[in-house]
C-alpha atoms as a PDB file:
ATOM      1  CA  UNK A   1      48.883 110.139  36.942  1.00  0.00           C
ATOM      2  CA  UNK A   2      48.048 107.329  34.696  1.00  0.00           C
ATOM      3  CA  UNK A   3      44.858 105.381  34.667  1.00  0.00           C
ATOM      4  CA  UNK A   4      44.986 102.017  35.932  1.00  0.00           C
ATOM      5  CA  UNK A   5      45.132  98.972  33.253  1.00  0.00           C
ATOM      6  CA  UNK A   6      42.094  97.917  32.056  1.00  0.00           C
ATOM      7  CA  UNK A   7      41.867  94.638  33.995  1.00  0.00           C
ATOM      8  CA  UNK A   8      41.861  96.623  37.340  1.00  0.00           C
ATOM      9  CA  UNK A   9      38.700  98.164  38.503  1.00  0.00           C
ATOM     10  CA  UNK A  10      38.341 100.299  41.674  1.00  0.00           C
ATOM     11  CA  UNK A  11      35.457 101.690  43.468  1.00  0.00           C
ATOM     12  CA  UNK A  12      35.372 105.309  43.745  1.00  0.00           C
ATOM     13  CA  UNK A  13      33.258 104.929  47.205  1.00  0.00           C
ATOM     14  CA  UNK A  14      35.021 102.668  48.974  1.00  0.00           C
ATOM     15  CA  UNK A  15      38.406 102.199  47.427  1.00  0.00           C
ATOM     16  CA  UNK A  16      37.818  98.138  46.897  1.00  0.00           C
ATOM     17  CA  UNK A  17      40.211  96.947  43.941  1.00  0.00           C
ATOM     18  CA  UNK A  18      39.015  94.265  41.742  1.00  0.00           C
ATOM     19  CA  UNK A  19      41.678  92.280  39.883  1.00  0.00           C
ATOM     20  CA  UNK A  20      39.944  90.785  36.722  1.00  0.00           C
ATOM     21  CA  UNK A  21      42.374  88.179  36.353  1.00  0.00           C
ATOM     22  CA  UNK A  22      42.068  84.997  33.686  1.00  0.00           C
ATOM     23  CA  UNK A  23      40.132  81.987  34.106  1.00  0.00           C
ATOM     24  CA  UNK A  24      42.011  78.751  33.303  1.00  0.00           C
ATOM     25  CA  UNK A  25      40.855  75.843  31.332  1.00  0.00           C
ATOM     26  CA  UNK A  26      42.552  72.591  30.590  1.00  0.00           C
ATOM     27  CA  UNK A  27      41.889  70.552  27.229  1.00  0.00           C
ATOM     28  CA  UNK A  28      43.196  67.440  25.933  1.00  0.00           C
ATOM     29  CA  UNK A  29      44.225  65.632  22.764  1.00  0.00           C
ATOM     30  CA  UNK A  30      43.525  61.977  23.538  1.00  0.00           C
ATOM     31  CA  UNK A  31      44.982  59.149  21.428  1.00  0.00           C
ATOM     32  CA  UNK A  32      44.076  55.687  21.126  1.00  0.00           C
ATOM     33  CA  UNK A  33      46.500  53.078  20.157  1.00  0.00           C
ATOM     34  CA  UNK A  34      45.861  53.606  16.253  1.00  0.00           C
ATOM     35  CA  UNK A  35      46.955  57.145  16.319  1.00  0.00           C
ATOM     36  CA  UNK A  36      43.681  58.600  15.983  1.00  0.00           C
ATOM     37  CA  UNK A  37      42.710  61.449  18.150  1.00  0.00           C
ATOM     38  CA  UNK A  38      39.445  62.166  19.992  1.00  0.00           C
ATOM     39  CA  UNK A  39      37.810  65.341  18.756  1.00  0.00           C
ATOM     40  CA  UNK A  40      34.234  66.385  19.896  1.00  0.00           C
ATOM     41  CA  UNK A  41      31.511  68.852  18.395  1.00  0.00           C
ATOM     42  CA  UNK A  42      30.740  71.672  20.702  1.00  0.00           C
ATOM     43  CA  UNK A  43      26.978  71.292  21.787  1.00  0.00           C
ATOM     44  CA  UNK A  44      26.941  74.946  22.955  1.00  0.00           C
ATOM     45  CA  UNK A  45      28.169  78.547  22.263  1.00  0.00           C
ATOM     46  CA  UNK A  46      30.735  79.908  21.915  1.00  0.00           C
ATOM     47  CA  UNK A  47      31.764  77.473  19.082  1.00  0.00           C
ATOM     48  CA  UNK A  48      28.428  75.430  18.946  1.00  0.00           C
ATOM     49  CA  UNK A  49      28.764  72.912  16.196  1.00  0.00           C
ATOM     50  CA  UNK A  50      32.682  73.506  15.949  1.00  0.00           C
ATOM     51  CA  UNK A  51      35.370  70.686  16.296  1.00  0.00           C
ATOM     52  CA  UNK A  52      37.472  70.975  19.644  1.00  0.00           C
ATOM     53  CA  UNK A  53      39.597  69.078  21.828  1.00  0.00           C
ATOM     54  CA  UNK A  54      37.761  67.902  24.987  1.00  0.00           C
ATOM     55  CA  UNK A  55      37.994  70.188  28.263  1.00  0.00           C
ATOM     56  CA  UNK A  56      36.637  72.763  30.334  1.00  0.00           C
ATOM     57  CA  UNK A  57      37.272  75.146  33.108  1.00  0.00           C
ATOM     58  CA  UNK A  58      39.120  74.655  36.282  1.00  0.00           C
ATOM     59  CA  UNK A  59      37.233  74.924  39.613  1.00  0.00           C
ATOM     60  CA  UNK A  60      38.196  76.969  42.602  1.00  0.00           C
ATOM     61  CA  UNK A  61      40.659  74.874  44.660  1.00  0.00           C
ATOM     62  CA  UNK A  62      40.979  71.993  42.114  1.00  0.00           C
ATOM     63  CA  UNK A  63      44.315  71.078  40.248  1.00  0.00           C
ATOM     64  CA  UNK A  64      44.479  71.618  36.614  1.00  0.00           C
ATOM     65  CA  UNK A  65      45.348  67.690  36.245  1.00  0.00           C
ATOM     66  CA  UNK A  66      42.401  66.890  38.389  1.00  0.00           C
ATOM     67  CA  UNK A  67      40.158  69.472  36.404  1.00  0.00           C
ATOM     68  CA  UNK A  68      41.504  67.686  33.091  1.00  0.00           C
ATOM     69  CA  UNK A  69      40.421  64.138  34.183  1.00  0.00           C
ATOM     70  CA  UNK A  70      37.184  65.362  35.669  1.00  0.00           C
ATOM     71  CA  UNK A  71      36.089  66.894  32.360  1.00  0.00           C
ATOM     72  CA  UNK A  72      37.272  63.926  30.207  1.00  0.00           C
ATOM     73  CA  UNK A  73      34.831  61.694  32.599  1.00  0.00           C
ATOM     74  CA  UNK A  74      32.226  64.460  32.413  1.00  0.00           C
ATOM     75  CA  UNK A  75      32.451  64.833  28.502  1.00  0.00           C
ATOM     76  CA  UNK A  76      33.199  61.500  27.346  1.00  0.00           C
ATOM     77  CA  UNK A  77      32.863  58.736  29.850  1.00  0.00           C
ATOM     78  CA  UNK A  78      36.386  57.719  29.560  1.00  0.00           C
ATOM     79  CA  UNK A  79      39.784  57.736  31.445  1.00  0.00           C
ATOM     80  CA  UNK A  80      43.229  58.953  30.075  1.00  0.00           C
ATOM     81  CA  UNK A  81      46.566  58.210  31.170  1.00  0.00           C
ATOM     82  CA  UNK A  82      50.321  59.111  30.218  1.00  0.00           C
ATOM     83  CA  UNK A  83      49.085  62.762  30.414  1.00  0.00           C
ATOM     84  CA  UNK A  84      51.967  65.263  28.655  1.00  0.00           C
ATOM     85  CA  UNK A  85      51.876  68.759  28.727  1.00  0.00           C
ATOM     86  CA  UNK A  86      51.625  70.643  25.472  1.00  0.00           C
ATOM     87  CA  UNK A  87      51.416  74.162  26.131  1.00  0.00           C
ATOM     88  CA  UNK A  88      49.594  77.187  27.131  1.00  0.00           C
ATOM     89  CA  UNK A  89      47.665  79.609  25.031  1.00  0.00           C
ATOM     90  CA  UNK A  90      45.699  82.872  25.972  1.00  0.00           C
ATOM     91  CA  UNK A  91      42.154  82.612  24.935  1.00  0.00           C
ATOM     92  CA  UNK A  92      39.092  85.083  24.912  1.00  0.00           C
ATOM     93  CA  UNK A  93      35.800  83.516  25.923  1.00  0.00           C
ATOM     94  CA  UNK A  94      32.478  85.140  25.273  1.00  0.00           C
ATOM     95  CA  UNK A  95      29.831  84.154  27.406  1.00  0.00           C
ATOM     96  CA  UNK A  96      26.436  85.863  27.823  1.00  0.00           C
ATOM     97  CA  UNK A  97      28.005  89.093  26.366  1.00  0.00           C
ATOM     98  CA  UNK A  98      30.883  89.105  28.721  1.00  0.00           C
ATOM     99  CA  UNK A  99      34.536  88.211  27.226  1.00  0.00           C
ATOM    100  CA  UNK A 100      36.422  86.478  29.744  1.00  0.00           C
ATOM    101  CA  UNK A 101      39.932  86.403  29.558  1.00  0.00           C
ATOM    102  CA  UNK A 102      41.456  82.620  29.694  1.00  0.00           C
ATOM    103  CA  UNK A 103      44.636  80.849  30.144  1.00  0.00           C
ATOM    104  CA  UNK A 104      44.161  77.547  28.274  1.00  0.00           C
ATOM    105  CA  UNK A 105      46.443  74.691  29.294  1.00  0.00           C
ATOM    106  CA  UNK A 106      46.690  71.976  26.611  1.00  0.00           C
ATOM    107  CA  UNK A 107      47.842  68.362  27.252  1.00  0.00           C
ATOM    108  CA  UNK A 108      48.082  65.092  25.149  1.00  0.00           C
ATOM    109  CA  UNK A 109      47.214  61.673  26.618  1.00  0.00           C
ATOM    110  CA  UNK A 110      46.499  57.941  26.080  1.00  0.00           C
ATOM    111  CA  UNK A 111      42.720  57.389  25.907  1.00  0.00           C
ATOM    112  CA  UNK A 112      41.711  54.133  28.338  1.00  0.00           C
ATOM    113  CA  UNK A 113      39.136  51.931  27.105  1.00  0.00           C
ATOM    114  CA  UNK A 114      38.866  54.514  23.820  1.00  0.00           C
ATOM    115  CA  UNK A 115      35.745  52.325  22.585  1.00  0.00           C
ATOM    116  CA  UNK A 116      33.703  53.335  25.585  1.00  0.00           C
ATOM    117  CA  UNK A 117      34.010  56.885  24.647  1.00  0.00           C
ATOM    118  CA  UNK A 118      30.597  58.711  24.164  1.00  0.00           C
ATOM    119  CA  UNK A 119      29.185  62.219  23.596  1.00  0.00           C
ATOM    120  CA  UNK A 120      27.850  63.317  27.218  1.00  0.00           C
ATOM    121  CA  UNK A 121      27.908  66.827  28.955  1.00  0.00           C
ATOM    122  CA  UNK A 122      28.163  69.830  26.502  1.00  0.00           C
ATOM    123  CA  UNK A 123      29.158  67.460  23.542  1.00  0.00           C
ATOM    124  CA  UNK A 124      27.061  67.243  20.293  1.00  0.00           C
ATOM    125  CA  UNK A 125      29.241  64.314  18.857  1.00  0.00           C
ATOM    126  CA  UNK A 126      32.431  62.964  18.830  1.00  0.00           C
ATOM    127  CA  UNK A 127      35.090  61.559  16.240  1.00  0.00           C
ATOM    128  CA  UNK A 128      38.195  59.786  16.340  1.00  0.00           C
ATOM    129  CA  UNK A 129      40.167  61.474  13.440  1.00  0.00           C
ATOM    130  CA  UNK A 130      43.810  61.167  12.018  1.00  0.00           C
ATOM    131  CA  UNK A 131      45.280  64.318  13.429  1.00  0.00           C
ATOM    132  CA  UNK A 132      47.153  64.615  10.179  1.00  0.00           C
ATOM    133  CA  UNK A 133      43.974  65.173   8.197  1.00  0.00           C
ATOM    134  CA  UNK A 134      42.687  67.576  10.825  1.00  0.00           C
ATOM    135  CA  UNK A 135      42.603  71.079   9.510  1.00  0.00           C
ATOM    136  CA  UNK A 136      43.232  73.490  12.263  1.00  0.00           C
ATOM    137  CA  UNK A 137      40.948  76.078  10.984  1.00  0.00           C
ATOM    138  CA  UNK A 138      38.024  73.776  11.610  1.00  0.00           C
ATOM    139  CA  UNK A 139      38.731  74.011  15.452  1.00  0.00           C
ATOM    140  CA  UNK A 140      36.636  76.106  17.489  1.00  0.00           C
ATOM    141  CA  UNK A 141      39.220  78.370  19.278  1.00  0.00           C
ATOM    142  CA  UNK A 142      42.310  80.267  17.751  1.00  0.00           C
ATOM    143  CA  UNK A 143      44.139  79.189  21.007  1.00  0.00           C
ATOM    144  CA  UNK A 144      42.979  75.613  20.212  1.00  0.00           C
ATOM    145  CA  UNK A 145      44.196  75.770  16.727  1.00  0.00           C
ATOM    146  CA  UNK A 146      47.706  77.232  17.862  1.00  0.00           C
ATOM    147  CA  UNK A 147      47.901  74.264  20.575  1.00  0.00           C
ATOM    148  CA  UNK A 148      46.832  71.778  18.013  1.00  0.00           C
ATOM    149  CA  UNK A 149      49.672  72.755  15.520  1.00  0.00           C
ATOM    150  CA  UNK A 150      52.069  72.843  18.379  1.00  0.00           C
ATOM    151  CA  UNK A 151      51.325  69.472  19.306  1.00  0.00           C
ATOM    152  CA  UNK A 152      51.260  68.136  15.806  1.00  0.00           C
ATOM    153  CA  UNK A 153      54.455  69.422  14.910  1.00  0.00           C
ATOM    154  CA  UNK A 154      56.317  68.752  18.165  1.00  0.00           C
ATOM    155  CA  UNK A 155      56.944  72.516  18.553  1.00  0.00           C
ATOM    156  CA  UNK A 156      57.801  73.966  21.990  1.00  0.00           C
END
């Protein structure tokens, strides 16, 4: 009999089965009227000090769309509108010596009252950048790099 997949753990005493499924995160490329996109510098590891699109984890019982709006308010203090789905990417998130599998959901949106954006929770700093001049290798995570390129090129 073949062993169970690496993401399934079974207790040898009681038979309880734990499925180590991925967490879900949301991230957005918020644009302002002049076409610049808001990027943050991460204040914490993983990727501390690296460039990133704002976002975070979806809470249990929360819709991804609601999580996206909540994260933008928490990190930047602004709202977004005209949210458009870009893609999903798989990711590995190392936190306190545990690597969590994550499904990242990427979106683009228009920033509302963009001039009010400020670095808040888990954000070291922020910059409005010309997306054509952003080097994808500067982004914190491989999933984010892939999503950014897909968004920038319009690839599906």
